Amino acid sequence: MNWDIVEGNWKQFKGKVKAKWGKLTDDNLDVISGKRDQLAGKIQETYGVSKDEAEEQIKDFEEQNQDIRH
């Protein structure tokens, strides 16, 4: 997954991110703004998981959304 594309099209991706991580608020999503490191941090903070677990969840998300790779 190309995160430059995600960042550039964040409005379209917000719904997919919200579906995967429903505890993230709209304000969280605005702060994340398509940045992978920001997403990882918010997942850690919101779900109380380790950095490694957050990264693993993001990898799963990327695999589920492979059509986004460019």
Protein backbone atom coordinates (compact mmCIF):
# COMPACT_ATOMS: atom_id res chain seq x y z
CA MET A 1 0.00 0.00 0.00
CA ASN A 2 1.34 3.38 -0.95
CA TRP A 3 0.73 5.73 1.96
CA ASP A 4 1.37 8.78 -0.23
CA ILE A 5 -1.77 7.78 -2.12
CA VAL A 6 -3.63 7.15 1.13
CA GLU A 7 -2.64 10.57 2.42
CA GLY A 8 -3.67 12.25 -0.83
CA ASN A 9 -7.07 10.53 -0.80
CA TRP A 10 -7.64 10.50 2.95
CA LYS A 11 -11.32 11.39 2.76
CA GLN A 12 -11.99 8.17 0.85
CA PHE A 13 -9.90 6.08 3.25
CA LYS A 14 -11.37 7.46 6.46
CA GLY A 15 -14.36 5.16 6.11
CA LYS A 16 -12.18 2.06 5.74
CA VAL A 17 -10.04 3.09 8.70
CA LYS A 18 -13.14 3.82 10.79
CA ALA A 19 -14.58 0.40 9.88
CA LYS A 20 -11.39 -1.33 11.05
CA TRP A 21 -10.75 0.81 14.15
CA GLY A 22 -14.20 1.97 15.25
CA LYS A 23 -12.98 3.57 18.48
CA LEU A 24 -11.06 6.21 16.53
CA THR A 25 -13.02 9.44 16.49
CA ASP A 26 -13.48 11.80 13.57
CA ASP A 27 -11.09 14.16 15.37
CA ASN A 28 -8.52 11.34 15.57
CA LEU A 29 -8.93 10.71 11.86
CA ASP A 30 -8.47 14.39 11.09
CA VAL A 31 -5.22 14.42 13.09
CA ILE A 32 -3.99 11.21 11.42
CA SER A 33 -4.67 12.73 8.00
CA GLY A 34 -3.36 9.67 6.15
CA LYS A 35 -0.04 9.44 7.95
CA ARG A 36 0.86 5.86 8.81
CA ASP A 37 2.90 6.74 11.91
CA GLN A 38 0.07 8.89 13.26
CA LEU A 39 -2.37 6.01 12.70
CA ALA A 40 -0.08 3.62 14.57
CA GLY A 41 0.19 6.03 17.49
CA LYS A 42 -3.57 6.55 17.73
CA ILE A 43 -4.18 2.79 17.60
CA GLN A 44 -1.69 2.30 20.45
CA GLU A 45 -3.23 5.09 22.50
CA THR A 46 -6.88 4.25 21.84
CA TYR A 47 -6.70 0.47 22.06
CA GLY A 48 -3.91 0.16 24.63
CA VAL A 49 -1.75 -2.06 22.44
CA SER A 50 1.99 -2.16 21.87
CA LYS A 51 3.69 -0.52 18.92
CA ASP A 52 4.31 -3.97 17.43
CA GLU A 53 0.63 -4.89 17.75
CA ALA A 54 -0.44 -1.61 16.14
CA GLU A 55 1.99 -2.23 13.27
CA GLU A 56 0.62 -5.76 12.85
CA GLN A 57 -2.94 -4.42 12.67
CA ILE A 58 -1.88 -1.88 10.04
CA LYS A 59 -0.20 -4.63 8.01
CA ASP A 60 -3.44 -6.61 8.12
CA PHE A 61 -5.32 -3.51 6.97
CA GLU A 62 -2.86 -3.06 4.10
CA GLU A 63 -3.30 -6.68 3.01
CA GLN A 64 -7.08 -6.30 3.07
CA ASN A 65 -6.82 -3.17 0.92
CA GLN A 66 -4.20 -4.29 -1.60
CA ASP A 67 -6.10 -2.65 -4.43
CA ILE A 68 -4.77 0.66 -3.10
CA ARG A 69 -1.16 -0.19 -3.97
CA HIS A 70 0.29 1.88 -6.79
